[in-house]
Amino acid sequence: VCCLKVCYPAYGSRFSRGHAVGLLVAVWGYALAFAAA
C-alpha cells in the first residue's frame, strides 16, 4: 500500500477504509487457511 501511494499516487489516492478492511480480512483469511491446514 505504501508503494502504491508513493509510486502510483493516482491509484493510491483512491485507497479507502473499505479497501483497508478488505485487505485485513484477506490477510487474516490467508493466515487462517495455512494455519488450519
Full PDB file with SEQRES, HELIX, SHEET, SSBOND, CRYST1, ORIGX, SCALE, CONECT and MASTER records, all heavy atoms in Angstrom:
SEQRES   1 A   37  VAL CYS CYS LEU LYS VAL CYS TYR PRO ALA TYR GLY SER          
SEQRES   2 A   37  ARG PHE SER ARG GLY HIS ALA VAL GLY LEU LEU VAL ALA          
SEQRES   3 A   37  VAL TRP GLY TYR ALA LEU ALA PHE ALA ALA ALA                  
HELIX    1 AA1 CYS A    2  CYS A    7  1                                   6    
HELIX    2 AA2 PRO A    9  GLY A   12  1                                   4    
HELIX    3 AA3 ARG A   17  ALA A   36  1                                  20    
CRYST1    1.000    1.000    1.000  90.00  90.00  90.00 P 1           1          
ORIGX1      1.000000  0.000000  0.000000        0.00000                         
ORIGX2      0.000000  1.000000  0.000000        0.00000                         
ORIGX3      0.000000  0.000000  1.000000        0.00000                         
SCALE1      1.000000  0.000000  0.000000        0.00000                         
SCALE2      0.000000  1.000000  0.000000        0.00000                         
SCALE3      0.000000  0.000000  1.000000        0.00000                         
ATOM      1  N   VAL A   1       0.840  -1.203   0.000  1.00  0.00           N  
ATOM      2  CA  VAL A   1       0.000   0.000   0.000  1.00  0.00           C  
ATOM      3  C   VAL A   1       0.877   1.256   0.000  1.00  0.00           C  
ATOM      4  O   VAL A   1       0.586   2.226  -0.711  1.00  0.00           O  
ATOM      5  CB  VAL A   1      -0.980  -0.011   1.190  1.00  0.00           C  
ATOM      6  CG1 VAL A   1      -1.661   1.337   1.358  1.00  0.00           C  
ATOM      7  CG2 VAL A   1      -2.016  -1.106   1.012  1.00  0.00           C  
ATOM      8  N   CYS A   2       1.953   1.244   0.774  1.00  0.00           N  
ATOM      9  CA  CYS A   2       2.886   2.379   0.761  1.00  0.00           C  
ATOM     10  C   CYS A   2       3.458   2.580  -0.637  1.00  0.00           C  
ATOM     11  O   CYS A   2       3.560   3.714  -1.123  1.00  0.00           O  
ATOM     12  CB  CYS A   2       4.016   2.167   1.758  1.00  0.00           C  
ATOM     13  SG  CYS A   2       3.520   2.387   3.465  1.00  0.00           S  
ATOM     14  N   CYS A   3       3.823   1.505  -1.287  1.00  0.00           N  
ATOM     15  CA  CYS A   3       4.350   1.572  -2.650  1.00  0.00           C  
ATOM     16  C   CYS A   3       3.304   2.157  -3.590  1.00  0.00           C  
ATOM     17  O   CYS A   3       3.609   3.028  -4.410  1.00  0.00           O  
ATOM     18  CB  CYS A   3       4.775   0.183  -3.111  1.00  0.00           C  
ATOM     19  SG  CYS A   3       5.405   0.133  -4.798  1.00  0.00           S  
ATOM     20  N   LEU A   4       2.084   1.708  -3.460  1.00  0.00           N  
ATOM     21  CA  LEU A   4       1.005   2.207  -4.302  1.00  0.00           C  
ATOM     22  C   LEU A   4       0.802   3.705  -4.099  1.00  0.00           C  
ATOM     23  O   LEU A   4       0.673   4.464  -5.060  1.00  0.00           O  
ATOM     24  CB  LEU A   4      -0.279   1.442  -3.986  1.00  0.00           C  
ATOM     25  CG  LEU A   4      -1.495   1.706  -4.858  1.00  0.00           C  
ATOM     26  CD1 LEU A   4      -1.245   1.192  -6.266  1.00  0.00           C  
ATOM     27  CD2 LEU A   4      -2.712   1.042  -4.258  1.00  0.00           C  
ATOM     28  N   LYS A   5       0.816   4.148  -2.850  1.00  0.00           N  
ATOM     29  CA  LYS A   5       0.589   5.568  -2.552  1.00  0.00           C  
ATOM     30  C   LYS A   5       1.759   6.450  -2.999  1.00  0.00           C  
ATOM     31  O   LYS A   5       1.546   7.564  -3.448  1.00  0.00           O  
ATOM     32  CB  LYS A   5       0.326   5.758  -1.065  1.00  0.00           C  
ATOM     33  CG  LYS A   5      -1.030   5.231  -0.642  1.00  0.00           C  
ATOM     34  CD  LYS A   5      -1.353   5.695   0.746  1.00  0.00           C  
ATOM     35  CE  LYS A   5      -2.807   5.856   0.969  1.00  0.00           C  
ATOM     36  NZ  LYS A   5      -3.498   6.849   0.223  1.00  0.00           N  
ATOM     37  N   VAL A   6       2.989   5.944  -2.895  1.00  0.00           N  
ATOM     38  CA  VAL A   6       4.154   6.747  -3.255  1.00  0.00           C  
ATOM     39  C   VAL A   6       4.431   6.685  -4.758  1.00  0.00           C  
ATOM     40  O   VAL A   6       4.667   7.709  -5.397  1.00  0.00           O  
ATOM     41  CB  VAL A   6       5.402   6.290  -2.461  1.00  0.00           C  
ATOM     42  CG1 VAL A   6       6.663   6.933  -2.988  1.00  0.00           C  
ATOM     43  CG2 VAL A   6       5.222   6.582  -0.983  1.00  0.00           C  
ATOM     44  N   CYS A   7       4.405   5.508  -5.319  1.00  0.00           N  
ATOM     45  CA  CYS A   7       4.819   5.327  -6.714  1.00  0.00           C  
ATOM     46  C   CYS A   7       3.693   5.556  -7.717  1.00  0.00           C  
ATOM     47  O   CYS A   7       3.955   5.920  -8.868  1.00  0.00           O  
ATOM     48  CB  CYS A   7       5.384   3.927  -6.909  1.00  0.00           C  
ATOM     49  SG  CYS A   7       6.794   3.581  -5.857  1.00  0.00           S  
ATOM     50  N   TYR A   8       2.476   5.320  -7.314  1.00  0.00           N  
ATOM     51  CA  TYR A   8       1.329   5.469  -8.205  1.00  0.00           C  
ATOM     52  C   TYR A   8       0.238   6.285  -7.505  1.00  0.00           C  
ATOM     53  O   TYR A   8      -0.812   5.754  -7.141  1.00  0.00           O  
ATOM     54  CB  TYR A   8       0.788   4.097  -8.625  1.00  0.00           C  
ATOM     55  CG  TYR A   8       1.857   3.209  -9.202  1.00  0.00           C  
ATOM     56  CD1 TYR A   8       2.473   2.220  -8.421  1.00  0.00           C  
ATOM     57  CD2 TYR A   8       2.275   3.361 -10.518  1.00  0.00           C  
ATOM     58  CE1 TYR A   8       3.471   1.418  -8.949  1.00  0.00           C  
ATOM     59  CE2 TYR A   8       3.265   2.560 -11.054  1.00  0.00           C  
ATOM     60  CZ  TYR A   8       3.860   1.588 -10.260  1.00  0.00           C  
ATOM     61  OH  TYR A   8       4.847   0.799 -10.789  1.00  0.00           O  
ATOM     62  N   PRO A   9       0.475   7.574  -7.293  1.00  0.00           N  
ATOM     63  CA  PRO A   9      -0.451   8.388  -6.496  1.00  0.00           C  
ATOM     64  C   PRO A   9      -1.867   8.462  -7.064  1.00  0.00           C  
ATOM     65  O   PRO A   9      -2.818   8.623  -6.313  1.00  0.00           O  
ATOM     66  CB  PRO A   9       0.199   9.768  -6.453  1.00  0.00           C  
ATOM     67  CG  PRO A   9       1.308   9.751  -7.417  1.00  0.00           C  
ATOM     68  CD  PRO A   9       1.623   8.341  -7.754  1.00  0.00           C  
ATOM     69  N   ALA A  10      -2.024   8.304  -8.367  1.00  0.00           N  
ATOM     70  CA  ALA A  10      -3.372   8.340  -8.948  1.00  0.00           C  
ATOM     71  C   ALA A  10      -4.217   7.181  -8.420  1.00  0.00           C  
ATOM     72  O   ALA A  10      -5.413   7.333  -8.175  1.00  0.00           O  
ATOM     73  CB  ALA A  10      -3.290   8.282 -10.469  1.00  0.00           C  
ATOM     74  N   TYR A  11      -3.590   6.019  -8.242  1.00  0.00           N  
ATOM     75  CA  TYR A  11      -4.302   4.868  -7.688  1.00  0.00           C  
ATOM     76  C   TYR A  11      -4.307   4.908  -6.165  1.00  0.00           C  
ATOM     77  O   TYR A  11      -5.273   4.525  -5.531  1.00  0.00           O  
ATOM     78  CB  TYR A  11      -3.675   3.564  -8.170  1.00  0.00           C  
ATOM     79  CG  TYR A  11      -3.775   3.372  -9.654  1.00  0.00           C  
ATOM     80  CD1 TYR A  11      -2.662   3.475 -10.468  1.00  0.00           C  
ATOM     81  CD2 TYR A  11      -5.000   3.090 -10.253  1.00  0.00           C  
ATOM     82  CE1 TYR A  11      -2.750   3.303 -11.839  1.00  0.00           C  
ATOM     83  CE2 TYR A  11      -5.098   2.924 -11.622  1.00  0.00           C  
ATOM     84  CZ  TYR A  11      -3.976   3.033 -12.407  1.00  0.00           C  
ATOM     85  OH  TYR A  11      -4.077   2.865 -13.756  1.00  0.00           O  
ATOM     86  N   GLY A  12      -3.206   5.358  -5.596  1.00  0.00           N  
ATOM     87  CA  GLY A  12      -3.084   5.389  -4.140  1.00  0.00           C  
ATOM     88  C   GLY A  12      -4.077   6.325  -3.474  1.00  0.00           C  
ATOM     89  O   GLY A  12      -4.512   6.087  -2.358  1.00  0.00           O  
ATOM     90  N   SER A  13      -4.470   7.388  -4.179  1.00  0.00           N  
ATOM     91  CA  SER A  13      -5.424   8.333  -3.596  1.00  0.00           C  
ATOM     92  C   SER A  13      -6.829   7.747  -3.528  1.00  0.00           C  
ATOM     93  O   SER A  13      -7.673   8.255  -2.803  1.00  0.00           O  
ATOM     94  CB  SER A  13      -5.436   9.630  -4.402  1.00  0.00           C  
ATOM     95  OG  SER A  13      -5.885   9.374  -5.718  1.00  0.00           O  
ATOM     96  N   ARG A  14      -7.077   6.675  -4.249  1.00  0.00           N  
ATOM     97  CA  ARG A  14      -8.395   6.017  -4.227  1.00  0.00           C  
ATOM     98  C   ARG A  14      -8.538   5.010  -3.085  1.00  0.00           C  
ATOM     99  O   ARG A  14      -9.600   4.433  -2.913  1.00  0.00           O  
ATOM    100  CB  ARG A  14      -8.638   5.290  -5.541  1.00  0.00           C  
ATOM    101  CG  ARG A  14      -8.705   6.204  -6.722  1.00  0.00           C  
ATOM    102  CD  ARG A  14      -8.972   5.405  -7.963  1.00  0.00           C  
ATOM    103  NE  ARG A  14      -8.803   6.236  -9.145  1.00  0.00           N  
ATOM    104  CZ  ARG A  14      -8.715   5.762 -10.353  1.00  0.00           C  
ATOM    105  NH1 ARG A  14      -8.766   4.466 -10.566  1.00  0.00           N  
ATOM    106  NH2 ARG A  14      -8.559   6.579 -11.370  1.00  0.00           N  
ATOM    107  N   PHE A  15      -7.474   4.789  -2.348  1.00  0.00           N  
ATOM    108  CA  PHE A  15      -7.484   3.804  -1.264  1.00  0.00           C  
ATOM    109  C   PHE A  15      -8.407   4.297  -0.152  1.00  0.00           C  
ATOM    110  O   PHE A  15      -8.258   5.400   0.352  1.00  0.00           O  
ATOM    111  CB  PHE A  15      -6.056   3.611  -0.738  1.00  0.00           C  
ATOM    112  CG  PHE A  15      -5.918   2.449   0.181  1.00  0.00           C  
ATOM    113  CD1 PHE A  15      -5.864   1.160  -0.307  1.00  0.00           C  
ATOM    114  CD2 PHE A  15      -5.851   2.641   1.551  1.00  0.00           C  
ATOM    115  CE1 PHE A  15      -5.733   0.084   0.541  1.00  0.00           C  
ATOM    116  CE2 PHE A  15      -5.721   1.576   2.405  1.00  0.00           C  
ATOM    117  CZ  PHE A  15      -5.660   0.293   1.900  1.00  0.00           C  
ATOM    118  N   SER A  16      -9.354   3.460   0.245  1.00  0.00           N  
ATOM    119  CA  SER A  16     -10.356   3.872   1.231  1.00  0.00           C  
ATOM    120  C   SER A  16     -10.336   2.949   2.443  1.00  0.00           C  
ATOM    121  O   SER A  16      -9.612   1.945   2.483  1.00  0.00           O  
ATOM    122  CB  SER A  16     -11.743   3.840   0.599  1.00  0.00           C  
ATOM    123  OG  SER A  16     -12.126   2.501   0.319  1.00  0.00           O  
ATOM    124  N   ARG A  17     -11.169   3.308   3.398  1.00  0.00           N  
ATOM    125  CA  ARG A  17     -11.314   2.483   4.603  1.00  0.00           C  
ATOM    126  C   ARG A  17     -11.818   1.088   4.229  1.00  0.00           C  
ATOM    127  O   ARG A  17     -11.407   0.093   4.816  1.00  0.00           O  
ATOM    128  CB  ARG A  17     -12.260   3.174   5.573  1.00  0.00           C  
ATOM    129  CG  ARG A  17     -12.490   2.381   6.816  1.00  0.00           C  
ATOM    130  CD  ARG A  17     -13.434   3.093   7.778  1.00  0.00           C  
ATOM    131  NE  ARG A  17     -12.849   2.953   9.088  1.00  0.00           N  
ATOM    132  CZ  ARG A  17     -12.627   3.924   9.921  1.00  0.00           C  
ATOM    133  NH1 ARG A  17     -12.976   5.140   9.627  1.00  0.00           N  
ATOM    134  NH2 ARG A  17     -12.092   3.698  11.091  1.00  0.00           N  
ATOM    135  N   GLY A  18     -12.706   1.002   3.261  1.00  0.00           N  
ATOM    136  CA  GLY A  18     -13.217  -0.292   2.803  1.00  0.00           C  
ATOM    137  C   GLY A  18     -12.121  -1.171   2.222  1.00  0.00           C  
ATOM    138  O   GLY A  18     -12.105  -2.382   2.446  1.00  0.00           O  
ATOM    139  N   HIS A  19     -11.188  -0.547   1.488  1.00  0.00           N  
ATOM    140  CA  HIS A  19     -10.048  -1.302   0.964  1.00  0.00           C  
ATOM    141  C   HIS A  19      -9.208  -1.849   2.115  1.00  0.00           C  
ATOM    142  O   HIS A  19      -8.747  -2.986   2.072  1.00  0.00           O  
ATOM    143  CB  HIS A  19      -9.173  -0.420   0.069  1.00  0.00           C  
ATOM    144  CG  HIS A  19      -9.828  -0.048  -1.205  1.00  0.00           C  
ATOM    145  ND1 HIS A  19     -10.231   1.245  -1.474  1.00  0.00           N  
ATOM    146  CD2 HIS A  19     -10.154  -0.778  -2.295  1.00  0.00           C  
ATOM    147  CE1 HIS A  19     -10.769   1.288  -2.677  1.00  0.00           C  
ATOM    148  NE2 HIS A  19     -10.743   0.071  -3.199  1.00  0.00           N  
ATOM    149  N   ALA A  20      -8.988  -1.016   3.132  1.00  0.00           N  
ATOM    150  CA  ALA A  20      -8.180  -1.435   4.279  1.00  0.00           C  
ATOM    151  C   ALA A  20      -8.831  -2.612   4.996  1.00  0.00           C  
ATOM    152  O   ALA A  20      -8.159  -3.598   5.335  1.00  0.00           O  
ATOM    153  CB  ALA A  20      -7.983  -0.263   5.239  1.00  0.00           C  
ATOM    154  N   VAL A  21     -10.127  -2.529   5.206  1.00  0.00           N  
ATOM    155  CA  VAL A  21     -10.841  -3.629   5.870  1.00  0.00           C  
ATOM    156  C   VAL A  21     -10.761  -4.896   5.021  1.00  0.00           C  
ATOM    157  O   VAL A  21     -10.509  -5.989   5.540  1.00  0.00           O  
ATOM    158  CB  VAL A  21     -12.307  -3.231   6.155  1.00  0.00           C  
ATOM    159  CG1 VAL A  21     -13.127  -4.424   6.602  1.00  0.00           C  
ATOM    160  CG2 VAL A  21     -12.361  -2.124   7.203  1.00  0.00           C  
ATOM    161  N   GLY A  22     -10.953  -4.750   3.719  1.00  0.00           N  
ATOM    162  CA  GLY A  22     -10.866  -5.912   2.832  1.00  0.00           C  
ATOM    163  C   GLY A  22      -9.493  -6.556   2.859  1.00  0.00           C  
ATOM    164  O   GLY A  22      -9.373  -7.786   2.876  1.00  0.00           O  
ATOM    165  N   LEU A  23      -8.452  -5.730   2.872  1.00  0.00           N  
ATOM    166  CA  LEU A  23      -7.092  -6.271   2.926  1.00  0.00           C  
ATOM    167  C   LEU A  23      -6.818  -6.973   4.245  1.00  0.00           C  
ATOM    168  O   LEU A  23      -6.179  -8.031   4.275  1.00  0.00           O  
ATOM    169  CB  LEU A  23      -6.069  -5.165   2.677  1.00  0.00           C  
ATOM    170  CG  LEU A  23      -5.989  -4.674   1.238  1.00  0.00           C  
ATOM    171  CD1 LEU A  23      -5.103  -3.440   1.139  1.00  0.00           C  
ATOM    172  CD2 LEU A  23      -5.481  -5.772   0.318  1.00  0.00           C  
ATOM    173  N   LEU A  24      -7.302  -6.403   5.344  1.00  0.00           N  
ATOM    174  CA  LEU A  24      -7.123  -7.061   6.650  1.00  0.00           C  
ATOM    175  C   LEU A  24      -7.840  -8.403   6.706  1.00  0.00           C  
ATOM    176  O   LEU A  24      -7.293  -9.393   7.204  1.00  0.00           O  
ATOM    177  CB  LEU A  24      -7.609  -6.165   7.782  1.00  0.00           C  
ATOM    178  CG  LEU A  24      -6.664  -5.047   8.180  1.00  0.00           C  
ATOM    179  CD1 LEU A  24      -7.331  -4.132   9.204  1.00  0.00           C  
ATOM    180  CD2 LEU A  24      -5.377  -5.615   8.737  1.00  0.00           C  
ATOM    181  N   VAL A  25      -9.051  -8.450   6.185  1.00  0.00           N  
ATOM    182  CA  VAL A  25      -9.798  -9.714   6.144  1.00  0.00           C  
ATOM    183  C   VAL A  25      -9.053 -10.726   5.272  1.00  0.00           C  
ATOM    184  O   VAL A  25      -8.939 -11.912   5.633  1.00  0.00           O  
ATOM    185  CB  VAL A  25     -11.240  -9.482   5.648  1.00  0.00           C  
ATOM    186  CG1 VAL A  25     -11.934 -10.790   5.326  1.00  0.00           C  
ATOM    187  CG2 VAL A  25     -12.037  -8.696   6.682  1.00  0.00           C  
ATOM    188  N   ALA A  26      -8.519 -10.272   4.149  1.00  0.00           N  
ATOM    189  CA  ALA A  26      -7.776 -11.169   3.263  1.00  0.00           C  
ATOM    190  C   ALA A  26      -6.520 -11.703   3.939  1.00  0.00           C  
ATOM    191  O   ALA A  26      -6.210 -12.896   3.840  1.00  0.00           O  
ATOM    192  CB  ALA A  26      -7.416 -10.442   1.966  1.00  0.00           C  
ATOM    193  N   VAL A  27      -5.793 -10.835   4.649  1.00  0.00           N  
ATOM    194  CA  VAL A  27      -4.572 -11.256   5.346  1.00  0.00           C  
ATOM    195  C   VAL A  27      -4.901 -12.310   6.397  1.00  0.00           C  
ATOM    196  O   VAL A  27      -4.253 -13.363   6.475  1.00  0.00           O  
ATOM    197  CB  VAL A  27      -3.857 -10.046   5.983  1.00  0.00           C  
ATOM    198  CG1 VAL A  27      -2.856 -10.490   7.033  1.00  0.00           C  
ATOM    199  CG2 VAL A  27      -3.176  -9.220   4.923  1.00  0.00           C  
ATOM    200  N   TRP A  28      -5.909 -12.036   7.204  1.00  0.00           N  
ATOM    201  CA  TRP A  28      -6.278 -12.993   8.255  1.00  0.00           C  
ATOM    202  C   TRP A  28      -6.852 -14.282   7.674  1.00  0.00           C  
ATOM    203  O   TRP A  28      -6.608 -15.373   8.198  1.00  0.00           O  
ATOM    204  CB  TRP A  28      -7.216 -12.359   9.260  1.00  0.00           C  
ATOM    205  CG  TRP A  28      -6.475 -11.504  10.225  1.00  0.00           C  
ATOM    206  CD1 TRP A  28      -6.218 -10.175  10.116  1.00  0.00           C  
ATOM    207  CD2 TRP A  28      -5.843 -11.931  11.436  1.00  0.00           C  
ATOM    208  NE1 TRP A  28      -5.472  -9.748  11.181  1.00  0.00           N  
ATOM    209  CE2 TRP A  28      -5.236 -10.794  12.010  1.00  0.00           C  
ATOM    210  CE3 TRP A  28      -5.738 -13.155  12.086  1.00  0.00           C  
ATOM    211  CZ2 TRP A  28      -4.523 -10.855  13.209  1.00  0.00           C  
ATOM    212  CZ3 TRP A  28      -5.039 -13.214  13.286  1.00  0.00           C  
ATOM    213  CH2 TRP A  28      -4.442 -12.085  13.832  1.00  0.00           C  
ATOM    214  N   GLY A  29      -7.594 -14.191   6.575  1.00  0.00           N  
ATOM    215  CA  GLY A  29      -8.110 -15.400   5.918  1.00  0.00           C  
ATOM    216  C   GLY A  29      -6.991 -16.249   5.344  1.00  0.00           C  
ATOM    217  O   GLY A  29      -7.005 -17.484   5.458  1.00  0.00           O  
ATOM    218  N   TYR A  30      -6.011 -15.607   4.738  1.00  0.00           N  
ATOM    219  CA  TYR A  30      -4.847 -16.299   4.177  1.00  0.00           C  
ATOM    220  C   TYR A  30      -4.075 -17.013   5.285  1.00  0.00           C  
ATOM    221  O   TYR A  30      -3.729 -18.188   5.158  1.00  0.00           O  
ATOM    222  CB  TYR A  30      -3.971 -15.249   3.483  1.00  0.00           C  
ATOM    223  CG  TYR A  30      -2.888 -15.770   2.585  1.00  0.00           C  
ATOM    224  CD1 TYR A  30      -3.173 -16.203   1.303  1.00  0.00           C  
ATOM    225  CD2 TYR A  30      -1.555 -15.772   2.990  1.00  0.00           C  
ATOM    226  CE1 TYR A  30      -2.175 -16.640   0.453  1.00  0.00           C  
ATOM    227  CE2 TYR A  30      -0.549 -16.210   2.153  1.00  0.00           C  
ATOM    228  CZ  TYR A  30      -0.863 -16.645   0.878  1.00  0.00           C  
ATOM    229  OH  TYR A  30       0.131 -17.083   0.053  1.00  0.00           O  
ATOM    230  N   ALA A  31      -3.837 -16.278   6.376  1.00  0.00           N  
ATOM    231  CA  ALA A  31      -3.117 -16.869   7.507  1.00  0.00           C  
ATOM    232  C   ALA A  31      -3.921 -18.017   8.117  1.00  0.00           C  
ATOM    233  O   ALA A  31      -3.361 -19.072   8.458  1.00  0.00           O  
ATOM    234  CB  ALA A  31      -2.824 -15.801   8.558  1.00  0.00           C  
ATOM    235  N   LEU A  32      -5.216 -17.832   8.237  1.00  0.00           N  
ATOM    236  CA  LEU A  32      -6.068 -18.871   8.812  1.00  0.00           C  
ATOM    237  C   LEU A  32      -6.077 -20.125   7.947  1.00  0.00           C  
ATOM    238  O   LEU A  32      -6.038 -21.248   8.469  1.00  0.00           O  
ATOM    239  CB  LEU A  32      -7.486 -18.341   8.997  1.00  0.00           C  
ATOM    240  CG  LEU A  32      -8.488 -19.284   9.647  1.00  0.00           C  
ATOM    241  CD1 LEU A  32      -8.037 -19.649  11.058  1.00  0.00           C  
ATOM    242  CD2 LEU A  32      -9.867 -18.662   9.676  1.00  0.00           C  
ATOM    243  N   ALA A  33      -6.082 -19.952   6.640  1.00  0.00           N  
ATOM    244  CA  ALA A  33      -6.078 -21.116   5.744  1.00  0.00           C  
ATOM    245  C   ALA A  33      -4.813 -21.953   5.936  1.00  0.00           C  
ATOM    246  O   ALA A  33      -4.883 -23.187   6.033  1.00  0.00           O  
ATOM    247  CB  ALA A  33      -6.191 -20.650   4.292  1.00  0.00           C  
ATOM    248  N   PHE A  34      -3.664 -21.299   6.021  1.00  0.00           N  
ATOM    249  CA  PHE A  34      -2.417 -22.050   6.195  1.00  0.00           C  
ATOM    250  C   PHE A  34      -2.261 -22.575   7.624  1.00  0.00           C  
ATOM    251  O   PHE A  34      -1.678 -23.642   7.831  1.00  0.00           O  
ATOM    252  CB  PHE A  34      -1.215 -21.200   5.795  1.00  0.00           C  
ATOM    253  CG  PHE A  34      -0.970 -21.206   4.321  1.00  0.00           C  
ATOM    254  CD1 PHE A  34      -1.456 -20.178   3.527  1.00  0.00           C  
ATOM    255  CD2 PHE A  34      -0.292 -22.237   3.711  1.00  0.00           C  
ATOM    256  CE1 PHE A  34      -1.249 -20.179   2.158  1.00  0.00           C  
ATOM    257  CE2 PHE A  34      -0.081 -22.261   2.346  1.00  0.00           C  
ATOM    258  CZ  PHE A  34      -0.567 -21.230   1.561  1.00  0.00           C  
ATOM    259  N   ALA A  35      -2.763 -21.842   8.609  1.00  0.00           N  
ATOM    260  CA  ALA A  35      -2.658 -22.314   9.994  1.00  0.00           C  
ATOM    261  C   ALA A  35      -3.609 -23.475  10.266  1.00  0.00           C  
ATOM    262  O   ALA A  35      -3.303 -24.355  11.066  1.00  0.00           O  
ATOM    263  CB  ALA A  35      -2.937 -21.168  10.964  1.00  0.00           C  
ATOM    264  N   ALA A  36      -4.755 -23.473   9.594  1.00  0.00           N  
ATOM    265  CA  ALA A  36      -5.746 -24.536   9.819  1.00  0.00           C  
ATOM    266  C   ALA A  36      -5.449 -25.795   9.009  1.00  0.00           C  
ATOM    267  O   ALA A  36      -6.006 -26.855   9.306  1.00  0.00           O  
ATOM    268  CB  ALA A  36      -7.136 -24.017   9.476  1.00  0.00           C  
ATOM    269  N   ALA A  37      -4.579 -25.704   8.020  1.00  0.00           N  
ATOM    270  CA  ALA A  37      -4.285 -26.864   7.171  1.00  0.00           C  
ATOM    271  C   ALA A  37      -3.835 -28.090   7.972  1.00  0.00           C  
ATOM    272  O   ALA A  37      -4.316 -29.192   7.714  1.00  0.00           O  
ATOM    273  CB  ALA A  37      -3.259 -26.492   6.111  1.00  0.00           C  
TER     274      ALA A  37                                                      
MASTER        0    0    0    3    0    0    0    6  273    1    0    3          
END                                                                             
